[in-house]
PDB file of N, CA and C in Angstrom:
ATOM      1  N   MET A   1    -107.328 -75.835 167.788  1.00  0.00           N
ATOM      2  CA  MET A   1    -108.685 -75.346 167.703  1.00  0.00           C
ATOM      3  C   MET A   1    -109.512 -75.868 168.877  1.00  0.00           C
ATOM      4  N   ALA A   2    -109.274 -77.118 169.223  1.00  0.00           N
ATOM      5  CA  ALA A   2    -110.023 -77.708 170.320  1.00  0.00           C
ATOM      6  C   ALA A   2    -109.667 -77.036 171.649  1.00  0.00           C
ATOM      7  N   GLU A   3    -108.397 -76.579 171.747  1.00  0.00           N
ATOM      8  CA  GLU A   3    -107.977 -75.901 172.967  1.00  0.00           C
ATOM      9  C   GLU A   3    -108.724 -74.587 173.152  1.00  0.00           C
ATOM     10  N   ALA A   4    -108.930 -73.868 172.057  1.00  0.00           N
ATOM     11  CA  ALA A   4    -109.641 -72.599 172.134  1.00  0.00           C
ATOM     12  C   ALA A   4    -111.084 -72.815 172.570  1.00  0.00           C
ATOM     13  N   VAL A   5    -111.690 -73.869 172.057  1.00  0.00           N
ATOM     14  CA  VAL A   5    -113.066 -74.177 172.435  1.00  0.00           C
ATOM     15  C   VAL A   5    -113.120 -74.554 173.915  1.00  0.00           C
ATOM     16  N   ALA A   6    -112.140 -75.340 174.369  1.00  0.00           N
ATOM     17  CA  ALA A   6    -112.104 -75.747 175.775  1.00  0.00           C
ATOM     18  C   ALA A   6    -111.912 -74.539 176.676  1.00  0.00           C
ATOM     19  N   LEU A   7    -111.061 -73.594 176.263  1.00  0.00           N
ATOM     20  CA  LEU A   7    -110.861 -72.389 177.052  1.00  0.00           C
ATOM     21  C   LEU A   7    -112.121 -71.543 177.087  1.00  0.00           C
ATOM     22  N   GLU A   8    -112.829 -71.473 175.975  1.00  0.00           N
ATOM     23  CA  GLU A   8    -114.050 -70.670 175.914  1.00  0.00           C
ATOM     24  C   GLU A   8    -115.125 -71.266 176.823  1.00  0.00           C
ATOM     25  N   GLU A   9    -115.208 -72.599 176.855  1.00  0.00           N
ATOM     26  CA  GLU A   9    -116.196 -73.248 177.717  1.00  0.00           C
ATOM     27  C   GLU A   9    -115.824 -73.053 179.182  1.00  0.00           C
ATOM     28  N   LYS A  10    -114.518 -73.069 179.475  1.00  0.00           N
ATOM     29  CA  LYS A  10    -114.045 -72.933 180.842  1.00  0.00           C
ATOM     30  C   LYS A  10    -114.225 -71.513 181.360  1.00  0.00           C
ATOM     31  N   LYS A  11    -114.199 -70.571 180.440  1.00  0.00           N
ATOM     32  CA  LYS A  11    -114.309 -69.166 180.810  1.00  0.00           C
ATOM     33  C   LYS A  11    -115.728 -68.863 181.272  1.00  0.00           C
ATOM     34  N   HIS A  12    -115.828 -68.344 182.480  1.00  0.00           N
ATOM     35  CA  HIS A  12    -117.111 -67.887 182.984  1.00  0.00           C
ATOM     36  C   HIS A  12    -116.854 -66.728 183.929  1.00  0.00           C
ATOM     37  N   LYS A  13    -117.845 -65.947 184.109  1.00  0.00           N
ATOM     38  CA  LYS A  13    -117.694 -64.785 184.971  1.00  0.00           C
ATOM     39  C   LYS A  13    -117.792 -65.244 186.415  1.00  0.00           C
ATOM     40  N   GLU A  14    -116.717 -64.986 187.172  1.00  0.00           N
ATOM     41  CA  GLU A  14    -116.719 -65.401 188.562  1.00  0.00           C
ATOM     42  C   GLU A  14    -117.038 -64.208 189.445  1.00  0.00           C
ATOM     43  N   GLY A  15    -117.590 -64.483 190.560  1.00  0.00           N
ATOM     44  CA  GLY A  15    -117.941 -63.432 191.499  1.00  0.00           C
ATOM     45  C   GLY A  15    -116.759 -63.047 192.359  1.00  0.00           C
ATOM     46  N   ILE A  16    -116.919 -61.967 193.105  1.00  0.00           N
ATOM     47  CA  ILE A  16    -115.852 -61.469 193.960  1.00  0.00           C
ATOM     48  C   ILE A  16    -115.544 -62.459 195.079  1.00  0.00           C
ATOM     49  N   GLY A  17    -116.557 -63.148 195.570  1.00  0.00           N
ATOM     50  CA  GLY A  17    -116.351 -64.143 196.632  1.00  0.00           C
ATOM     51  C   GLY A  17    -115.492 -65.301 196.156  1.00  0.00           C
ATOM     52  N   GLU A  18    -115.775 -65.776 194.945  1.00  0.00           N
ATOM     53  CA  GLU A  18    -114.985 -66.876 194.378  1.00  0.00           C
ATOM     54  C   GLU A  18    -113.547 -66.418 194.126  1.00  0.00           C
ATOM     55  N   PHE A  19    -113.395 -65.194 193.671  1.00  0.00           N
ATOM     56  CA  PHE A  19    -112.060 -64.643 193.437  1.00  0.00           C
ATOM     57  C   PHE A  19    -111.253 -64.590 194.737  1.00  0.00           C
ATOM     58  N   ILE A  20    -111.869 -64.105 195.806  1.00  0.00           N
ATOM     59  CA  ILE A  20    -111.178 -64.002 197.097  1.00  0.00           C
ATOM     60  C   ILE A  20    -110.847 -65.394 197.633  1.00  0.00           C
ATOM     61  N   GLN A  21    -111.756 -66.330 197.462  1.00  0.00           N
ATOM     62  CA  GLN A  21    -111.522 -67.691 197.927  1.00  0.00           C
ATOM     63  C   GLN A  21    -110.337 -68.318 197.180  1.00  0.00           C
ATOM     64  N   GLU A  22    -110.271 -68.142 195.869  1.00  0.00           N
ATOM     65  CA  GLU A  22    -109.164 -68.689 195.086  1.00  0.00           C
ATOM     66  C   GLU A  22    -107.852 -67.978 195.418  1.00  0.00           C
ATOM     67  N   THR A  23    -107.939 -66.687 195.672  1.00  0.00           N
ATOM     68  CA  THR A  23    -106.731 -65.935 196.036  1.00  0.00           C
ATOM     69  C   THR A  23    -106.178 -66.423 197.368  1.00  0.00           C
ATOM     70  N   ARG A  24    -107.030 -66.615 198.341  1.00  0.00           N
ATOM     71  CA  ARG A  24    -106.585 -67.134 199.649  1.00  0.00           C
ATOM     72  C   ARG A  24    -106.005 -68.532 199.518  1.00  0.00           C
ATOM     73  N   ALA A  25    -106.601 -69.355 198.664  1.00  0.00           N
ATOM     74  CA  ALA A  25    -106.085 -70.712 198.455  1.00  0.00           C
ATOM     75  C   ALA A  25    -104.677 -70.644 197.861  1.00  0.00           C
ATOM     76  N   GLU A  26    -104.443 -69.725 196.934  1.00  0.00           N
ATOM     77  CA  GLU A  26    -103.108 -69.574 196.349  1.00  0.00           C
ATOM     78  C   GLU A  26    -102.117 -69.034 197.365  1.00  0.00           C
ATOM     79  N   LEU A  27    -102.547 -68.092 198.192  1.00  0.00           N
ATOM     80  CA  LEU A  27    -101.662 -67.549 199.219  1.00  0.00           C
ATOM     81  C   LEU A  27    -101.282 -68.603 200.251  1.00  0.00           C
ATOM     82  N   ASP A  28    -102.170 -69.549 200.521  1.00  0.00           N
ATOM     83  CA  ASP A  28    -101.855 -70.622 201.455  1.00  0.00           C
ATOM     84  C   ASP A  28    -100.763 -71.537 200.904  1.00  0.00           C
ATOM     85  N   LYS A  29    -100.621 -71.588 199.578  1.00  0.00           N
ATOM     86  CA  LYS A  29     -99.604 -72.434 198.952  1.00  0.00           C
ATOM     87  C   LYS A  29     -98.220 -71.799 198.977  1.00  0.00           C
ATOM     88  N   THR A  30     -98.138 -70.493 199.204  1.00  0.00           N
ATOM     89  CA  THR A  30     -96.848 -69.815 199.146  1.00  0.00           C
ATOM     90  C   THR A  30     -96.049 -70.057 200.422  1.00  0.00           C
ATOM     91  N   THR A  31     -94.730 -70.030 200.251  1.00  0.00           N
ATOM     92  CA  THR A  31     -93.829 -70.126 201.394  1.00  0.00           C
ATOM     93  C   THR A  31     -92.902 -68.922 201.350  1.00  0.00           C
ATOM     94  N   PHE A  32     -92.533 -68.436 202.500  1.00  0.00           N
ATOM     95  CA  PHE A  32     -91.662 -67.281 202.590  1.00  0.00           C
ATOM     96  C   PHE A  32     -90.339 -67.707 203.200  1.00  0.00           C
ATOM     97  N   PRO A  33     -89.236 -67.098 202.744  1.00  0.00           N
ATOM     98  CA  PRO A  33     -87.928 -67.491 203.271  1.00  0.00           C
ATOM     99  C   PRO A  33     -87.755 -67.043 204.719  1.00  0.00           C
ATOM    100  N   SER A  34     -86.902 -67.760 205.416  1.00  0.00           N
ATOM    101  CA  SER A  34     -86.622 -67.397 206.804  1.00  0.00           C
ATOM    102  C   SER A  34     -85.699 -66.181 206.833  1.00  0.00           C
ATOM    103  N   SER A  35     -85.541 -65.614 208.005  1.00  0.00           N
ATOM    104  CA  SER A  35     -84.678 -64.447 208.168  1.00  0.00           C
ATOM    105  C   SER A  35     -83.230 -64.783 207.811  1.00  0.00           C
ATOM    106  N   ASP A  36     -82.783 -65.970 208.192  1.00  0.00           N
ATOM    107  CA  ASP A  36     -81.415 -66.387 207.868  1.00  0.00           C
ATOM    108  C   ASP A  36     -81.226 -66.542 206.360  1.00  0.00           C
ATOM    109  N   ASP A  37     -82.228 -67.094 205.675  1.00  0.00           N
ATOM    110  CA  ASP A  37     -82.136 -67.235 204.222  1.00  0.00           C
ATOM    111  C   ASP A  37     -82.024 -65.871 203.548  1.00  0.00           C
ATOM    112  N   VAL A  38     -82.821 -64.922 204.001  1.00  0.00           N
ATOM    113  CA  VAL A  38     -82.785 -63.573 203.423  1.00  0.00           C
ATOM    114  C   VAL A  38     -81.428 -62.923 203.672  1.00  0.00           C
ATOM    115  N   LYS A  39     -80.910 -63.072 204.888  1.00  0.00           N
ATOM    116  CA  LYS A  39     -79.618 -62.490 205.241  1.00  0.00           C
ATOM    117  C   LYS A  39     -78.504 -63.086 204.383  1.00  0.00           C
ATOM    118  N   ASN A  40     -78.485 -64.422 204.260  1.00  0.00           N
ATOM    119  CA  ASN A  40     -77.451 -65.089 203.471  1.00  0.00           C
ATOM    120  C   ASN A  40     -77.529 -64.716 201.998  1.00  0.00           C
ATOM    121  N   THR A  41     -78.726 -64.652 201.464  1.00  0.00           N
ATOM    122  CA  THR A  41     -78.890 -64.286 200.062  1.00  0.00           C
ATOM    123  C   THR A  41     -78.456 -62.846 199.825  1.00  0.00           C
ATOM    124  N   THR A  42     -78.764 -61.960 200.747  1.00  0.00           N
ATOM    125  CA  THR A  42     -78.355 -60.559 200.618  1.00  0.00           C
ATOM    126  C   THR A  42     -76.838 -60.435 200.624  1.00  0.00           C
ATOM    127  N   ILE A  43     -76.190 -61.171 201.498  1.00  0.00           N
ATOM    128  CA  ILE A  43     -74.724 -61.145 201.542  1.00  0.00           C
ATOM    129  C   ILE A  43     -74.135 -61.639 200.228  1.00  0.00           C
ATOM    130  N   ILE A  44     -74.685 -62.702 199.685  1.00  0.00           N
ATOM    131  CA  ILE A  44     -74.201 -63.242 198.416  1.00  0.00           C
ATOM    132  C   ILE A  44     -74.375 -62.221 197.301  1.00  0.00           C
ATOM    133  N   VAL A  45     -75.503 -61.555 197.262  1.00  0.00           N
ATOM    134  CA  VAL A  45     -75.763 -60.564 196.215  1.00  0.00           C
ATOM    135  C   VAL A  45     -74.796 -59.389 196.340  1.00  0.00           C
ATOM    136  N   VAL A  46     -74.579 -58.888 197.548  1.00  0.00           N
ATOM    137  CA  VAL A  46     -73.673 -57.751 197.740  1.00  0.00           C
ATOM    138  C   VAL A  46     -72.250 -58.128 197.329  1.00  0.00           C
ATOM    139  N   ILE A  47     -71.800 -59.305 197.731  1.00  0.00           N
ATOM    140  CA  ILE A  47     -70.455 -59.749 197.352  1.00  0.00           C
ATOM    141  C   ILE A  47     -70.344 -59.906 195.839  1.00  0.00           C
ATOM    142  N   SER A  48     -71.352 -60.463 195.214  1.00  0.00           N
ATOM    143  CA  SER A  48     -71.336 -60.638 193.757  1.00  0.00           C
ATOM    144  C   SER A  48     -71.290 -59.294 193.038  1.00  0.00           C
ATOM    145  N   VAL A  49     -72.073 -58.345 193.494  1.00  0.00           N
ATOM    146  CA  VAL A  49     -72.086 -57.016 192.870  1.00  0.00           C
ATOM    147  C   VAL A  49     -70.724 -56.350 193.006  1.00  0.00           C
ATOM    148  N   LEU A  50     -70.127 -56.422 194.190  1.00  0.00           N
ATOM    149  CA  LEU A  50     -68.807 -55.823 194.385  1.00  0.00           C
ATOM    150  C   LEU A  50     -67.748 -56.508 193.522  1.00  0.00           C
ATOM    151  N   PHE A  51     -67.811 -57.839 193.431  1.00  0.00           N
ATOM    152  CA  PHE A  51     -66.854 -58.573 192.609  1.00  0.00           C
ATOM    153  C   PHE A  51     -66.964 -58.166 191.139  1.00  0.00           C
ATOM    154  N   PHE A  52     -68.179 -58.141 190.603  1.00  0.00           N
ATOM    155  CA  PHE A  52     -68.336 -57.811 189.195  1.00  0.00           C
ATOM    156  C   PHE A  52     -68.046 -56.341 188.920  1.00  0.00           C
ATOM    157  N   ALA A  53     -68.298 -55.466 189.880  1.00  0.00           N
ATOM    158  CA  ALA A  53     -67.929 -54.056 189.706  1.00  0.00           C
ATOM    159  C   ALA A  53     -66.416 -53.922 189.609  1.00  0.00           C
ATOM    160  N   ALA A  54     -65.681 -54.607 190.487  1.00  0.00           N
ATOM    161  CA  ALA A  54     -64.219 -54.571 190.443  1.00  0.00           C
ATOM    162  C   ALA A  54     -63.704 -55.206 189.161  1.00  0.00           C
ATOM    163  N   TYR A  55     -64.281 -56.322 188.771  1.00  0.00           N
ATOM    164  CA  TYR A  55     -63.867 -57.010 187.543  1.00  0.00           C
ATOM    165  C   TYR A  55     -64.067 -56.110 186.317  1.00  0.00           C
ATOM    166  N   LEU A  56     -65.218 -55.507 186.206  1.00  0.00           N
ATOM    167  CA  LEU A  56     -65.482 -54.640 185.058  1.00  0.00           C
ATOM    168  C   LEU A  56     -64.606 -53.390 185.083  1.00  0.00           C
ATOM    169  N   PHE A  57     -64.282 -52.880 186.265  1.00  0.00           N
ATOM    170  CA  PHE A  57     -63.372 -51.744 186.367  1.00  0.00           C
ATOM    171  C   PHE A  57     -61.993 -52.123 185.837  1.00  0.00           C
ATOM    172  N   VAL A  58     -61.504 -53.283 186.236  1.00  0.00           N
ATOM    173  CA  VAL A  58     -60.185 -53.732 185.776  1.00  0.00           C
ATOM    174  C   VAL A  58     -60.189 -53.951 184.266  1.00  0.00           C
ATOM    175  N   ILE A  59     -61.212 -54.571 183.747  1.00  0.00           N
ATOM    176  CA  ILE A  59     -61.302 -54.798 182.290  1.00  0.00           C
ATOM    177  C   ILE A  59     -61.362 -53.463 181.555  1.00  0.00           C
ATOM    178  N   ASP A  60     -62.115 -52.506 182.066  1.00  0.00           N
ATOM    179  CA  ASP A  60     -62.219 -51.191 181.442  1.00  0.00           C
ATOM    180  C   ASP A  60     -60.864 -50.486 181.435  1.00  0.00           C
ATOM    181  N   ARG A  61     -60.178 -50.517 182.558  1.00  0.00           N
ATOM    182  CA  ARG A  61     -58.847 -49.885 182.636  1.00  0.00           C
ATOM    183  C   ARG A  61     -57.886 -50.564 181.671  1.00  0.00           C
ATOM    184  N   ALA A  62     -57.950 -51.886 181.539  1.00  0.00           N
ATOM    185  CA  ALA A  62     -57.074 -52.613 180.617  1.00  0.00           C
ATOM    186  C   ALA A  62     -57.345 -52.192 179.183  1.00  0.00           C
ATOM    187  N   TRP A  63     -58.612 -52.060 178.798  1.00  0.00           N
ATOM    188  CA  TRP A  63     -58.952 -51.648 177.440  1.00  0.00           C
ATOM    189  C   TRP A  63     -58.476 -50.218 177.178  1.00  0.00           C
ATOM    190  N   VAL A  64     -58.609 -49.345 178.148  1.00  0.00           N
ATOM    191  CA  VAL A  64     -58.125 -47.971 177.985  1.00  0.00           C
ATOM    192  C   VAL A  64     -56.613 -47.985 177.772  1.00  0.00           C
ATOM    193  N   TYR A  65     -55.910 -48.788 178.542  1.00  0.00           N
ATOM    194  CA  TYR A  65     -54.458 -48.898 178.404  1.00  0.00           C
ATOM    195  C   TYR A  65     -54.081 -49.422 177.013  1.00  0.00           C
ATOM    196  N   VAL A  66     -54.760 -50.459 176.554  1.00  0.00           N
ATOM    197  CA  VAL A  66     -54.475 -51.043 175.233  1.00  0.00           C
ATOM    198  C   VAL A  66     -54.785 -50.037 174.131  1.00  0.00           C
ATOM    199  N   LEU A  67     -55.917 -49.369 174.209  1.00  0.00           N
ATOM    200  CA  LEU A  67     -56.292 -48.419 173.161  1.00  0.00           C
ATOM    201  C   LEU A  67     -55.382 -47.190 173.164  1.00  0.00           C
ATOM    202  N   ASP A  68     -54.943 -46.730 174.341  1.00  0.00           N
ATOM    203  CA  ASP A  68     -53.980 -45.621 174.390  1.00  0.00           C
ATOM    204  C   ASP A  68     -52.654 -46.041 173.761  1.00  0.00           C
ATOM    205  N   GLY A  69     -52.221 -47.256 174.037  1.00  0.00           N
ATOM    206  CA  GLY A  69     -50.993 -47.769 173.416  1.00  0.00           C
ATOM    207  C   GLY A  69     -51.134 -47.881 171.921  1.00  0.00           C
ATOM    208  N   LEU A  70     -52.263 -48.359 171.461  1.00  0.00           N
ATOM    209  CA  LEU A  70     -52.510 -48.468 170.023  1.00  0.00           C
ATOM    210  C   LEU A  70     -52.530 -47.092 169.380  1.00  0.00           C
ATOM    211  N   ALA A  71     -53.153 -46.123 170.013  1.00  0.00           N
ATOM    212  CA  ALA A  71     -53.174 -44.753 169.478  1.00  0.00           C
ATOM    213  C   ALA A  71     -51.762 -44.180 169.434  1.00  0.00           C
ATOM    214  N   TRP A  72     -50.941 -44.466 170.442  1.00  0.00           N
ATOM    215  CA  TRP A  72     -49.557 -43.997 170.456  1.00  0.00           C
ATOM    216  C   TRP A  72     -48.777 -44.590 169.286  1.00  0.00           C
ATOM    217  N   VAL A  73     -48.943 -45.893 169.043  1.00  0.00           N
ATOM    218  CA  VAL A  73     -48.257 -46.571 167.927  1.00  0.00           C
ATOM    219  C   VAL A  73     -48.693 -45.973 166.610  1.00  0.00           C
ATOM    220  N   VAL A  74     -49.985 -45.770 166.429  1.00  0.00           N
ATOM    221  CA  VAL A  74     -50.504 -45.208 165.166  1.00  0.00           C
ATOM    222  C   VAL A  74     -49.958 -43.802 164.987  1.00  0.00           C
ATOM    223  N   ASN A  75     -49.935 -43.012 166.041  1.00  0.00           N
ATOM    224  CA  ASN A  75     -49.392 -41.634 165.935  1.00  0.00           C
ATOM    225  C   ASN A  75     -47.918 -41.670 165.581  1.00  0.00           C
ATOM    226  N   LYS A  76     -47.153 -42.597 166.109  1.00  0.00           N
ATOM    227  CA  LYS A  76     -45.733 -42.708 165.774  1.00  0.00           C
ATOM    228  C   LYS A  76     -45.544 -43.120 164.327  1.00  0.00           C
ATOM    229  N   LEU A  77     -46.393 -44.015 163.839  1.00  0.00           N
ATOM    230  CA  LEU A  77     -46.274 -44.469 162.460  1.00  0.00           C
ATOM    231  C   LEU A  77     -46.676 -43.384 161.471  1.00  0.00           C
ATOM    232  N   VAL A  78     -47.678 -42.616 161.798  1.00  0.00           N
ATOM    233  CA  VAL A  78     -48.174 -41.568 160.908  1.00  0.00           C
ATOM    234  C   VAL A  78     -47.300 -40.326 161.027  1.00  0.00           C
ATOM    235  N   GLY A  79     -46.676 -40.145 162.170  1.00  0.00           N
ATOM    236  CA  GLY A  79     -45.800 -38.997 162.366  1.00  0.00           C
ATOM    237  C   GLY A  79     -46.501 -37.796 162.945  1.00  0.00           C
ATOM    238  N   ALA A  80     -47.594 -38.006 163.583  1.00  0.00           N
ATOM    239  CA  ALA A  80     -48.328 -36.883 164.154  1.00  0.00           C
ATOM    240  C   ALA A  80     -47.797 -36.486 165.479  1.00  0.00           C
TER     241      ALA A  80
END
């Protein structure tokens, strides 16, 4: 309850100048990655995507193979 009261007291209507000043102060705190960091991260992401695509393809093909074999066994047992 005390937190709500503290937030209500803290809340005030700020002007556009104060908003821009606070926004610039926050932007000054940000850091951007270097070109090499972006390049390395992109390479890692592309390799990871290709690896998981291949992995999921292999798992999918394995499940299809297992389920086709199971269907064949069931058909042989039922006599269809």
